[in-house]
Amino acid sequence: MADTINWPGESGAKYRYWFVDIEATIQAVSGNYMFVKKVSATGWVPVYIGESENLADRLPNHDRWNDAKRAGATHVMAHTTPTGESARMKEEKDLIQRWSPPLNVQHRKVS
């Protein structure tokens, strides 16, 4: 399994995420994250995408983690986004519009 995945957004921008262990110590930094499930030997898809001012506060005991597991998620991916809230929210929207995760209702493209 690769340590990182470059996730493309609807805009064509790519965002490098790495796998994290939400049971381990997580840095108290701002960032974006996703709960993902494996769909092939090398493929993953997000079932939930989010952003947080503090990943250490948000990821452990996340309110959607159990829903994500029921939807097939087995791993958490994240990356730091030190450029501020608007950058995190723009990235979250860009990725949700591209991947349409089943547990996200905000930012979805209107068909």
PDB file of N, CA and C in Angstrom:
ATOM      1  N   MET A   1       0.852  -1.173   0.000  1.00  0.00           N
ATOM      2  CA  MET A   1       0.000   0.000   0.000  1.00  0.00           C
ATOM      3  C   MET A   1       0.898   1.237   0.000  1.00  0.00           C
ATOM      4  N   ALA A   2       0.612   2.160  -0.880  1.00  0.00           N
ATOM      5  CA  ALA A   2       1.353   3.417  -0.927  1.00  0.00           C
ATOM      6  C   ALA A   2       1.051   4.232   0.324  1.00  0.00           C
ATOM      7  N   ASP A   3       2.017   5.033   0.746  1.00  0.00           N
ATOM      8  CA  ASP A   3       1.830   5.868   1.931  1.00  0.00           C
ATOM      9  C   ASP A   3       0.971   7.093   1.647  1.00  0.00           C
ATOM     10  N   THR A   4       0.945   7.530   0.379  1.00  0.00           N
ATOM     11  CA  THR A   4       0.196   8.732   0.017  1.00  0.00           C
ATOM     12  C   THR A   4      -0.629   8.487  -1.239  1.00  0.00           C
ATOM     13  N   ILE A   5      -1.649   9.314  -1.397  1.00  0.00           N
ATOM     14  CA  ILE A   5      -2.453   9.326  -2.618  1.00  0.00           C
ATOM     15  C   ILE A   5      -2.656  10.783  -2.995  1.00  0.00           C
ATOM     16  N   ASN A   6      -2.493  11.093  -4.268  1.00  0.00           N
ATOM     17  CA  ASN A   6      -2.790  12.424  -4.785  1.00  0.00           C
ATOM     18  C   ASN A   6      -4.223  12.402  -5.301  1.00  0.00           C
ATOM     19  N   TRP A   7      -5.126  13.002  -4.535  1.00  0.00           N
ATOM     20  CA  TRP A   7      -6.546  13.007  -4.874  1.00  0.00           C
ATOM     21  C   TRP A   7      -6.857  14.205  -5.765  1.00  0.00           C
ATOM     22  N   PRO A   8      -7.402  13.971  -6.961  1.00  0.00           N
ATOM     23  CA  PRO A   8      -7.793  15.100  -7.816  1.00  0.00           C
ATOM     24  C   PRO A   8      -9.159  15.652  -7.405  1.00  0.00           C
ATOM     25  N   GLY A   9      -9.272  16.968  -7.473  1.00  0.00           N
ATOM     26  CA  GLY A   9     -10.544  17.622  -7.227  1.00  0.00           C
ATOM     27  C   GLY A   9     -11.259  17.886  -8.533  1.00  0.00           C
ATOM     28  N   GLU A  10     -12.476  18.376  -8.443  1.00  0.00           N
ATOM     29  CA  GLU A  10     -13.270  18.722  -9.631  1.00  0.00           C
ATOM     30  C   GLU A  10     -12.545  19.759 -10.488  1.00  0.00           C
ATOM     31  N   SER A  11     -11.782  20.648  -9.842  1.00  0.00           N
ATOM     32  CA  SER A  11     -11.071  21.718 -10.553  1.00  0.00           C
ATOM     33  C   SER A  11      -9.848  21.229 -11.313  1.00  0.00           C
ATOM     34  N   GLY A  12      -9.417  19.998 -11.036  1.00  0.00           N
ATOM     35  CA  GLY A  12      -8.183  19.479 -11.623  1.00  0.00           C
ATOM     36  C   GLY A  12      -7.002  19.589 -10.670  1.00  0.00           C
ATOM     37  N   ALA A  13      -7.155  20.360  -9.588  1.00  0.00           N
ATOM     38  CA  ALA A  13      -6.096  20.445  -8.577  1.00  0.00           C
ATOM     39  C   ALA A  13      -5.931  19.081  -7.920  1.00  0.00           C
ATOM     40  N   LYS A  14      -4.704  18.775  -7.491  1.00  0.00           N
ATOM     41  CA  LYS A  14      -4.431  17.515  -6.799  1.00  0.00           C
ATOM     42  C   LYS A  14      -3.970  17.820  -5.385  1.00  0.00           C
ATOM     43  N   TYR A  15      -4.420  16.985  -4.459  1.00  0.00           N
ATOM     44  CA  TYR A  15      -4.141  17.160  -3.048  1.00  0.00           C
ATOM     45  C   TYR A  15      -3.513  15.880  -2.509  1.00  0.00           C
ATOM     46  N   ARG A  16      -2.321  15.983  -1.944  1.00  0.00           N
ATOM     47  CA  ARG A  16      -1.607  14.807  -1.446  1.00  0.00           C
ATOM     48  C   ARG A  16      -2.030  14.501  -0.014  1.00  0.00           C
ATOM     49  N   TYR A  17      -2.612  13.330   0.167  1.00  0.00           N
ATOM     50  CA  TYR A  17      -3.053  12.853   1.483  1.00  0.00           C
ATOM     51  C   TYR A  17      -2.215  11.652   1.887  1.00  0.00           C
ATOM     52  N   TRP A  18      -2.050  11.460   3.195  1.00  0.00           N
ATOM     53  CA  TRP A  18      -1.370  10.280   3.699  1.00  0.00           C
ATOM     54  C   TRP A  18      -2.296   9.569   4.680  1.00  0.00           C
ATOM     55  N   PHE A  19      -2.024   8.278   4.850  1.00  0.00           N
ATOM     56  CA  PHE A  19      -2.812   7.471   5.778  1.00  0.00           C
ATOM     57  C   PHE A  19      -2.440   7.840   7.207  1.00  0.00           C
ATOM     58  N   VAL A  20      -3.438   7.956   8.081  1.00  0.00           N
ATOM     59  CA  VAL A  20      -3.195   8.258   9.491  1.00  0.00           C
ATOM     60  C   VAL A  20      -3.913   7.236  10.357  1.00  0.00           C
ATOM     61  N   ASP A  21      -3.392   7.049  11.534  1.00  0.00           N
ATOM     62  CA  ASP A  21      -3.994   6.157  12.514  1.00  0.00           C
ATOM     63  C   ASP A  21      -4.711   7.023  13.541  1.00  0.00           C
ATOM     64  N   ILE A  22      -6.040   7.023  13.531  1.00  0.00           N
ATOM     65  CA  ILE A  22      -6.761   7.901  14.452  1.00  0.00           C
ATOM     66  C   ILE A  22      -6.689   7.389  15.891  1.00  0.00           C
ATOM     67  N   GLU A  23      -6.148   6.192  16.081  1.00  0.00           N
ATOM     68  CA  GLU A  23      -5.934   5.686  17.432  1.00  0.00           C
ATOM     69  C   GLU A  23      -4.610   6.191  18.001  1.00  0.00           C
ATOM     70  N   ALA A  24      -3.729   6.674  17.148  1.00  0.00           N
ATOM     71  CA  ALA A  24      -2.410   7.161  17.573  1.00  0.00           C
ATOM     72  C   ALA A  24      -2.476   8.664  17.844  1.00  0.00           C
ATOM     73  N   THR A  25      -1.369   9.218  18.276  1.00  0.00           N
ATOM     74  CA  THR A  25      -1.286  10.651  18.509  1.00  0.00           C
ATOM     75  C   THR A  25      -1.297  11.383  17.175  1.00  0.00           C
ATOM     76  N   ILE A  26      -2.182  12.350  17.057  1.00  0.00           N
ATOM     77  CA  ILE A  26      -2.306  13.155  15.844  1.00  0.00           C
ATOM     78  C   ILE A  26      -1.893  14.573  16.189  1.00  0.00           C
ATOM     79  N   GLN A  27      -1.172  15.202  15.279  1.00  0.00           N
ATOM     80  CA  GLN A  27      -0.743  16.577  15.516  1.00  0.00           C
ATOM     81  C   GLN A  27      -1.937  17.514  15.613  1.00  0.00           C
ATOM     82  N   ALA A  28      -1.822  18.503  16.466  1.00  0.00           N
ATOM     83  CA  ALA A  28      -2.874  19.520  16.633  1.00  0.00           C
ATOM     84  C   ALA A  28      -2.650  20.612  15.593  1.00  0.00           C
ATOM     85  N   VAL A  29      -2.962  20.298  14.338  1.00  0.00           N
ATOM     86  CA  VAL A  29      -2.788  21.226  13.220  1.00  0.00           C
ATOM     87  C   VAL A  29      -4.063  21.260  12.391  1.00  0.00           C
ATOM     88  N   SER A  30      -4.213  22.315  11.611  1.00  0.00           N
ATOM     89  CA  SER A  30      -5.383  22.396  10.737  1.00  0.00           C
ATOM     90  C   SER A  30      -5.144  21.528   9.506  1.00  0.00           C
ATOM     91  N   GLY A  31      -6.246  21.009   8.955  1.00  0.00           N
ATOM     92  CA  GLY A  31      -6.086  20.179   7.773  1.00  0.00           C
ATOM     93  C   GLY A  31      -7.396  19.648   7.238  1.00  0.00           C
ATOM     94  N   ASN A  32      -7.265  18.864   6.197  1.00  0.00           N
ATOM     95  CA  ASN A  32      -8.395  18.183   5.572  1.00  0.00           C
ATOM     96  C   ASN A  32      -8.198  16.690   5.784  1.00  0.00           C
ATOM     97  N   TYR A  33      -9.305  15.956   5.751  1.00  0.00           N
ATOM     98  CA  TYR A  33      -9.219  14.518   5.997  1.00  0.00           C
ATOM     99  C   TYR A  33     -10.316  13.818   5.212  1.00  0.00           C
ATOM    100  N   MET A  34     -10.177  12.507   5.084  1.00  0.00           N
ATOM    101  CA  MET A  34     -11.214  11.690   4.462  1.00  0.00           C
ATOM    102  C   MET A  34     -11.190  10.289   5.039  1.00  0.00           C
ATOM    103  N   PHE A  35     -12.363   9.684   5.074  1.00  0.00           N
ATOM    104  CA  PHE A  35     -12.512   8.289   5.429  1.00  0.00           C
ATOM    105  C   PHE A  35     -12.661   7.551   4.101  1.00  0.00           C
ATOM    106  N   VAL A  36     -11.808   6.539   3.883  1.00  0.00           N
ATOM    107  CA  VAL A  36     -11.753   5.890   2.577  1.00  0.00           C
ATOM    108  C   VAL A  36     -11.970   4.385   2.677  1.00  0.00           C
ATOM    109  N   LYS A  37     -12.420   3.826   1.538  1.00  0.00           N
ATOM    110  CA  LYS A  37     -12.549   2.369   1.445  1.00  0.00           C
ATOM    111  C   LYS A  37     -11.797   1.886   0.218  1.00  0.00           C
ATOM    112  N   LYS A  38     -11.292   0.679   0.323  1.00  0.00           N
ATOM    113  CA  LYS A  38     -10.543   0.056  -0.767  1.00  0.00           C
ATOM    114  C   LYS A  38     -11.535  -0.544  -1.760  1.00  0.00           C
ATOM    115  N   VAL A  39     -11.319  -0.271  -3.058  1.00  0.00           N
ATOM    116  CA  VAL A  39     -12.220  -0.793  -4.080  1.00  0.00           C
ATOM    117  C   VAL A  39     -11.512  -1.718  -5.064  1.00  0.00           C
ATOM    118  N   SER A  40     -10.175  -1.757  -4.993  1.00  0.00           N
ATOM    119  CA  SER A  40      -9.391  -2.670  -5.832  1.00  0.00           C
ATOM    120  C   SER A  40      -8.022  -2.813  -5.188  1.00  0.00           C
ATOM    121  N   ALA A  41      -7.150  -3.584  -5.811  1.00  0.00           N
ATOM    122  CA  ALA A  41      -5.815  -3.800  -5.247  1.00  0.00           C
ATOM    123  C   ALA A  41      -5.067  -2.497  -5.023  1.00  0.00           C
ATOM    124  N   THR A  42      -5.297  -1.519  -5.869  1.00  0.00           N
ATOM    125  CA  THR A  42      -4.590  -0.238  -5.725  1.00  0.00           C
ATOM    126  C   THR A  42      -5.524   0.961  -5.628  1.00  0.00           C
ATOM    127  N   GLY A  43      -6.843   0.722  -5.612  1.00  0.00           N
ATOM    128  CA  GLY A  43      -7.784   1.842  -5.654  1.00  0.00           C
ATOM    129  C   GLY A  43      -8.542   2.071  -4.364  1.00  0.00           C
ATOM    130  N   TRP A  44      -8.776   3.334  -4.081  1.00  0.00           N
ATOM    131  CA  TRP A  44      -9.512   3.775  -2.904  1.00  0.00           C
ATOM    132  C   TRP A  44     -10.553   4.793  -3.328  1.00  0.00           C
ATOM    133  N   VAL A  45     -11.636   4.904  -2.569  1.00  0.00           N
ATOM    134  CA  VAL A  45     -12.611   5.969  -2.781  1.00  0.00           C
ATOM    135  C   VAL A  45     -12.996   6.541  -1.416  1.00  0.00           C
ATOM    136  N   PRO A  46     -13.247   7.845  -1.363  1.00  0.00           N
ATOM    137  CA  PRO A  46     -13.683   8.440  -0.101  1.00  0.00           C
ATOM    138  C   PRO A  46     -15.170   8.198   0.147  1.00  0.00           C
ATOM    139  N   VAL A  47     -15.508   7.925   1.400  1.00  0.00           N
ATOM    140  CA  VAL A  47     -16.919   7.846   1.779  1.00  0.00           C
ATOM    141  C   VAL A  47     -17.329   9.081   2.576  1.00  0.00           C
ATOM    142  N   TYR A  48     -16.328   9.831   3.062  1.00  0.00           N
ATOM    143  CA  TYR A  48     -16.593  11.092   3.764  1.00  0.00           C
ATOM    144  C   TYR A  48     -15.357  11.970   3.656  1.00  0.00           C
ATOM    145  N   ILE A  49     -15.556  13.264   3.403  1.00  0.00           N
ATOM    146  CA  ILE A  49     -14.469  14.232   3.311  1.00  0.00           C
ATOM    147  C   ILE A  49     -14.797  15.400   4.233  1.00  0.00           C
ATOM    148  N   GLY A  50     -13.796  15.868   4.987  1.00  0.00           N
ATOM    149  CA  GLY A  50     -14.022  16.984   5.890  1.00  0.00           C
ATOM    150  C   GLY A  50     -12.789  17.847   6.067  1.00  0.00           C
ATOM    151  N   GLU A  51     -12.958  18.900   6.847  1.00  0.00           N
ATOM    152  CA  GLU A  51     -11.855  19.807   7.167  1.00  0.00           C
ATOM    153  C   GLU A  51     -11.962  20.170   8.637  1.00  0.00           C
ATOM    154  N   SER A  52     -10.828  20.549   9.227  1.00  0.00           N
ATOM    155  CA  SER A  52     -10.835  20.893  10.641  1.00  0.00           C
ATOM    156  C   SER A  52      -9.723  21.874  10.965  1.00  0.00           C
ATOM    157  N   GLU A  53     -10.014  22.738  11.906  1.00  0.00           N
ATOM    158  CA  GLU A  53      -8.987  23.657  12.405  1.00  0.00           C
ATOM    159  C   GLU A  53      -7.965  22.898  13.236  1.00  0.00           C
ATOM    160  N   ASN A  54      -8.372  21.740  13.806  1.00  0.00           N
ATOM    161  CA  ASN A  54      -7.483  20.969  14.663  1.00  0.00           C
ATOM    162  C   ASN A  54      -7.764  19.484  14.465  1.00  0.00           C
ATOM    163  N   LEU A  55      -6.920  18.813  13.698  1.00  0.00           N
ATOM    164  CA  LEU A  55      -7.124  17.389  13.408  1.00  0.00           C
ATOM    165  C   LEU A  55      -7.074  16.534  14.669  1.00  0.00           C
ATOM    166  N   ALA A  56      -6.253  16.907  15.637  1.00  0.00           N
ATOM    167  CA  ALA A  56      -6.137  16.132  16.881  1.00  0.00           C
ATOM    168  C   ALA A  56      -7.438  16.156  17.674  1.00  0.00           C
ATOM    169  N   ASP A  57      -8.179  17.260  17.589  1.00  0.00           N
ATOM    170  CA  ASP A  57      -9.468  17.335  18.267  1.00  0.00           C
ATOM    171  C   ASP A  57     -10.588  16.675  17.463  1.00  0.00           C
ATOM    172  N   ARG A  58     -10.502  16.754  16.142  1.00  0.00           N
ATOM    173  CA  ARG A  58     -11.610  16.313  15.283  1.00  0.00           C
ATOM    174  C   ARG A  58     -11.618  14.815  14.999  1.00  0.00           C
ATOM    175  N   LEU A  59     -10.472  14.242  14.690  1.00  0.00           N
ATOM    176  CA  LEU A  59     -10.472  12.862  14.200  1.00  0.00           C
ATOM    177  C   LEU A  59     -10.748  11.790  15.247  1.00  0.00           C
ATOM    178  N   PRO A  60     -10.124  11.824  16.414  1.00  0.00           N
ATOM    179  CA  PRO A  60     -10.472  10.779  17.402  1.00  0.00           C
ATOM    180  C   PRO A  60     -11.943  10.926  17.804  1.00  0.00           C
ATOM    181  N   ASN A  61     -12.651   9.844  17.819  1.00  0.00           N
ATOM    182  CA  ASN A  61     -14.075   9.838  18.191  1.00  0.00           C
ATOM    183  C   ASN A  61     -14.930  10.711  17.270  1.00  0.00           C
ATOM    184  N   HIS A  62     -14.596  10.742  16.006  1.00  0.00           N
ATOM    185  CA  HIS A  62     -15.341  11.533  15.020  1.00  0.00           C
ATOM    186  C   HIS A  62     -16.785  11.043  14.951  1.00  0.00           C
ATOM    187  N   ASP A  63     -17.727  11.963  14.880  1.00  0.00           N
ATOM    188  CA  ASP A  63     -19.149  11.597  14.890  1.00  0.00           C
ATOM    189  C   ASP A  63     -19.598  10.835  13.645  1.00  0.00           C
ATOM    190  N   ARG A  64     -18.833  10.857  12.566  1.00  0.00           N
ATOM    191  CA  ARG A  64     -19.229  10.129  11.343  1.00  0.00           C
ATOM    192  C   ARG A  64     -18.395   8.863  11.105  1.00  0.00           C
ATOM    193  N   TRP A  65     -17.423   8.564  11.969  1.00  0.00           N
ATOM    194  CA  TRP A  65     -16.540   7.414  11.746  1.00  0.00           C
ATOM    195  C   TRP A  65     -17.328   6.105  11.722  1.00  0.00           C
ATOM    196  N   ASN A  66     -18.255   5.899  12.648  1.00  0.00           N
ATOM    197  CA  ASN A  66     -19.040   4.654  12.645  1.00  0.00           C
ATOM    198  C   ASN A  66     -19.896   4.549  11.389  1.00  0.00           C
ATOM    199  N   ASP A  67     -20.480   5.666  10.940  1.00  0.00           N
ATOM    200  CA  ASP A  67     -21.228   5.667   9.679  1.00  0.00           C
ATOM    201  C   ASP A  67     -20.314   5.317   8.518  1.00  0.00           C
ATOM    202  N   ALA A  68     -19.117   5.872   8.544  1.00  0.00           N
ATOM    203  CA  ALA A  68     -18.148   5.617   7.471  1.00  0.00           C
ATOM    204  C   ALA A  68     -17.755   4.139   7.450  1.00  0.00           C
ATOM    205  N   LYS A  69     -17.550   3.548   8.615  1.00  0.00           N
ATOM    206  CA  LYS A  69     -17.208   2.121   8.672  1.00  0.00           C
ATOM    207  C   LYS A  69     -18.351   1.279   8.115  1.00  0.00           C
ATOM    208  N   ARG A  70     -19.586   1.638   8.456  1.00  0.00           N
ATOM    209  CA  ARG A  70     -20.735   0.902   7.899  1.00  0.00           C
ATOM    210  C   ARG A  70     -20.803   1.054   6.377  1.00  0.00           C
ATOM    211  N   ALA A  71     -20.299   2.155   5.855  1.00  0.00           N
ATOM    212  CA  ALA A  71     -20.281   2.390   4.404  1.00  0.00           C
ATOM    213  C   ALA A  71     -19.048   1.768   3.741  1.00  0.00           C
ATOM    214  N   GLY A  72     -18.222   1.084   4.518  1.00  0.00           N
ATOM    215  CA  GLY A  72     -17.075   0.371   3.954  1.00  0.00           C
ATOM    216  C   GLY A  72     -15.717   0.987   4.225  1.00  0.00           C
ATOM    217  N   ALA A  73     -15.673   2.136   4.885  1.00  0.00           N
ATOM    218  CA  ALA A  73     -14.379   2.777   5.160  1.00  0.00           C
ATOM    219  C   ALA A  73     -13.562   1.938   6.135  1.00  0.00           C
ATOM    220  N   THR A  74     -12.283   1.833   5.836  1.00  0.00           N
ATOM    221  CA  THR A  74     -11.364   1.107   6.709  1.00  0.00           C
ATOM    222  C   THR A  74     -10.167   1.954   7.118  1.00  0.00           C
ATOM    223  N   HIS A  75      -9.960   3.070   6.434  1.00  0.00           N
ATOM    224  CA  HIS A  75      -8.777   3.894   6.687  1.00  0.00           C
ATOM    225  C   HIS A  75      -9.136   5.383   6.716  1.00  0.00           C
ATOM    226  N   VAL A  76      -8.258   6.138   7.357  1.00  0.00           N
ATOM    227  CA  VAL A  76      -8.367   7.592   7.408  1.00  0.00           C
ATOM    228  C   VAL A  76      -7.157   8.171   6.703  1.00  0.00           C
ATOM    229  N   MET A  77      -7.395   9.187   5.898  1.00  0.00           N
ATOM    230  CA  MET A  77      -6.311   9.907   5.232  1.00  0.00           C
ATOM    231  C   MET A  77      -6.445  11.377   5.599  1.00  0.00           C
ATOM    232  N   ALA A  78      -5.316  12.085   5.644  1.00  0.00           N
ATOM    233  CA  ALA A  78      -5.358  13.503   5.990  1.00  0.00           C
ATOM    234  C   ALA A  78      -4.130  14.202   5.439  1.00  0.00           C
ATOM    235  N   HIS A  79      -4.169  15.500   5.504  1.00  0.00           N
ATOM    236  CA  HIS A  79      -2.978  16.318   5.271  1.00  0.00           C
ATOM    237  C   HIS A  79      -3.187  17.672   5.912  1.00  0.00           C
ATOM    238  N   THR A  80      -2.089  18.311   6.213  1.00  0.00           N
ATOM    239  CA  THR A  80      -2.172  19.620   6.842  1.00  0.00           C
ATOM    240  C   THR A  80      -2.495  20.668   5.789  1.00  0.00           C
ATOM    241  N   THR A  81      -3.233  21.679   6.234  1.00  0.00           N
ATOM    242  CA  THR A  81      -3.606  22.790   5.363  1.00  0.00           C
ATOM    243  C   THR A  81      -3.380  24.078   6.163  1.00  0.00           C
ATOM    244  N   PRO A  82      -2.123  24.538   6.221  1.00  0.00           N
ATOM    245  CA  PRO A  82      -1.805  25.689   7.059  1.00  0.00           C
ATOM    246  C   PRO A  82      -2.197  27.040   6.464  1.00  0.00           C
ATOM    247  N   THR A  83      -2.809  27.047   5.288  1.00  0.00           N
ATOM    248  CA  THR A  83      -3.114  28.307   4.602  1.00  0.00           C
ATOM    249  C   THR A  83      -4.462  28.906   4.983  1.00  0.00           C
ATOM    250  N   GLY A  84      -5.110  28.354   6.000  1.00  0.00           N
ATOM    251  CA  GLY A  84      -6.321  28.980   6.519  1.00  0.00           C
ATOM    252  C   GLY A  84      -7.614  28.263   6.187  1.00  0.00           C
ATOM    253  N   GLU A  85      -8.665  28.730   6.865  1.00  0.00           N
ATOM    254  CA  GLU A  85      -9.983  28.114   6.749  1.00  0.00           C
ATOM    255  C   GLU A  85     -10.533  28.158   5.326  1.00  0.00           C
ATOM    256  N   SER A  86     -10.382  29.274   4.627  1.00  0.00           N
ATOM    257  CA  SER A  86     -10.955  29.353   3.282  1.00  0.00           C
ATOM    258  C   SER A  86     -10.290  28.345   2.344  1.00  0.00           C
ATOM    259  N   ALA A  87      -8.988  28.115   2.499  1.00  0.00           N
ATOM    260  CA  ALA A  87      -8.298  27.117   1.672  1.00  0.00           C
ATOM    261  C   ALA A  87      -8.790  25.712   1.999  1.00  0.00           C
ATOM    262  N   ARG A  88      -8.986  25.422   3.281  1.00  0.00           N
ATOM    263  CA  ARG A  88      -9.502  24.102   3.675  1.00  0.00           C
ATOM    264  C   ARG A  88     -10.894  23.872   3.108  1.00  0.00           C
ATOM    265  N   MET A  89     -11.741  24.877   3.225  1.00  0.00           N
ATOM    266  CA  MET A  89     -13.123  24.737   2.751  1.00  0.00           C
ATOM    267  C   MET A  89     -13.175  24.630   1.228  1.00  0.00           C
ATOM    268  N   LYS A  90     -12.324  25.373   0.534  1.00  0.00           N
ATOM    269  CA  LYS A  90     -12.273  25.294  -0.927  1.00  0.00           C
ATOM    270  C   LYS A  90     -11.844  23.896  -1.366  1.00  0.00           C
ATOM    271  N   GLU A  91     -10.836  23.350  -0.699  1.00  0.00           N
ATOM    272  CA  GLU A  91     -10.373  21.996  -1.013  1.00  0.00           C
ATOM    273  C   GLU A  91     -11.449  20.961  -0.718  1.00  0.00           C
ATOM    274  N   GLU A  92     -12.096  21.081   0.432  1.00  0.00           N
ATOM    275  CA  GLU A  92     -13.170  20.153   0.798  1.00  0.00           C
ATOM    276  C   GLU A  92     -14.250  20.157  -0.288  1.00  0.00           C
ATOM    277  N   LYS A  93     -14.686  21.328  -0.702  1.00  0.00           N
ATOM    278  CA  LYS A  93     -15.725  21.444  -1.733  1.00  0.00           C
ATOM    279  C   LYS A  93     -15.248  20.864  -3.061  1.00  0.00           C
ATOM    280  N   ASP A  94     -14.016  21.156  -3.450  1.00  0.00           N
ATOM    281  CA  ASP A  94     -13.449  20.668  -4.700  1.00  0.00           C
ATOM    282  C   ASP A  94     -13.434  19.136  -4.730  1.00  0.00           C
ATOM    283  N   LEU A  95     -13.011  18.523  -3.633  1.00  0.00           N
ATOM    284  CA  LEU A  95     -12.955  17.062  -3.564  1.00  0.00           C
ATOM    285  C   LEU A  95     -14.344  16.433  -3.501  1.00  0.00           C
ATOM    286  N   ILE A  96     -15.238  17.025  -2.732  1.00  0.00           N
ATOM    287  CA  ILE A  96     -16.605  16.478  -2.646  1.00  0.00           C
ATOM    288  C   ILE A  96     -17.286  16.544  -4.005  1.00  0.00           C
ATOM    289  N   GLN A  97     -17.099  17.639  -4.728  1.00  0.00           N
ATOM    290  CA  GLN A  97     -17.720  17.748  -6.048  1.00  0.00           C
ATOM    291  C   GLN A  97     -17.154  16.728  -7.023  1.00  0.00           C
ATOM    292  N   ARG A  98     -15.897  16.367  -6.881  1.00  0.00           N
ATOM    293  CA  ARG A  98     -15.289  15.371  -7.780  1.00  0.00           C
ATOM    294  C   ARG A  98     -15.703  13.950  -7.408  1.00  0.00           C
ATOM    295  N   TRP A  99     -15.689  13.629  -6.093  1.00  0.00           N
ATOM    296  CA  TRP A  99     -15.860  12.246  -5.653  1.00  0.00           C
ATOM    297  C   TRP A  99     -17.265  11.918  -5.152  1.00  0.00           C
ATOM    298  N   SER A 100     -18.058  12.895  -4.807  1.00  0.00           N
ATOM    299  CA  SER A 100     -19.429  12.706  -4.327  1.00  0.00           C
ATOM    300  C   SER A 100     -19.531  11.596  -3.267  1.00  0.00           C
ATOM    301  N   PRO A 101     -18.797  11.737  -2.157  1.00  0.00           N
ATOM    302  CA  PRO A 101     -18.838  10.700  -1.118  1.00  0.00           C
ATOM    303  C   PRO A 101     -20.255  10.527  -0.568  1.00  0.00           C
ATOM    304  N   PRO A 102     -20.656   9.307  -0.305  1.00  0.00           N
ATOM    305  CA  PRO A 102     -22.038   9.065   0.108  1.00  0.00           C
ATOM    306  C   PRO A 102     -22.428   9.715   1.436  1.00  0.00           C
ATOM    307  N   LEU A 103     -21.478   9.982   2.320  1.00  0.00           N
ATOM    308  CA  LEU A 103     -21.817  10.568   3.610  1.00  0.00           C
ATOM    309  C   LEU A 103     -21.751  12.089   3.631  1.00  0.00           C
ATOM    310  N   ASN A 104     -21.340  12.693   2.548  1.00  0.00           N
ATOM    311  CA  ASN A 104     -21.341  14.154   2.457  1.00  0.00           C
ATOM    312  C   ASN A 104     -22.598  14.596   1.717  1.00  0.00           C
ATOM    313  N   VAL A 105     -23.311  15.550   2.274  1.00  0.00           N
ATOM    314  CA  VAL A 105     -24.467  16.099   1.577  1.00  0.00           C
ATOM    315  C   VAL A 105     -24.185  17.520   1.109  1.00  0.00           C
ATOM    316  N   GLN A 106     -23.273  18.217   1.782  1.00  0.00           N
ATOM    317  CA  GLN A 106     -22.924  19.582   1.387  1.00  0.00           C
ATOM    318  C   GLN A 106     -21.971  19.552   0.188  1.00  0.00           C
ATOM    319  N   HIS A 107     -21.991  20.570  -0.592  1.00  0.00           N
ATOM    320  CA  HIS A 107     -21.080  20.804  -1.724  1.00  0.00           C
ATOM    321  C   HIS A 107     -21.263  19.851  -2.900  1.00  0.00           C
ATOM    322  N   ARG A 108     -22.249  18.999  -2.884  1.00  0.00           N
ATOM    323  CA  ARG A 108     -22.418  18.073  -4.003  1.00  0.00           C
ATOM    324  C   ARG A 108     -22.842  18.832  -5.250  1.00  0.00           C
ATOM    325  N   LYS A 109     -22.396  18.332  -6.383  1.00  0.00           N
ATOM    326  CA  LYS A 109     -22.823  18.917  -7.656  1.00  0.00           C
ATOM    327  C   LYS A 109     -24.293  18.616  -7.875  1.00  0.00           C
ATOM    328  N   VAL A 110     -24.996  19.573  -8.414  1.00  0.00           N
ATOM    329  CA  VAL A 110     -26.406  19.381  -8.757  1.00  0.00           C
ATOM    330  C   VAL A 110     -26.461  18.730 -10.132  1.00  0.00           C
ATOM    331  N   SER A 111     -27.161  17.620 -10.225  1.00  0.00           N
ATOM    332  CA  SER A 111     -27.228  16.903 -11.508  1.00  0.00           C
ATOM    333  C   SER A 111     -28.301  17.467 -12.392  1.00  0.00           C
TER     334      SER A 111
END
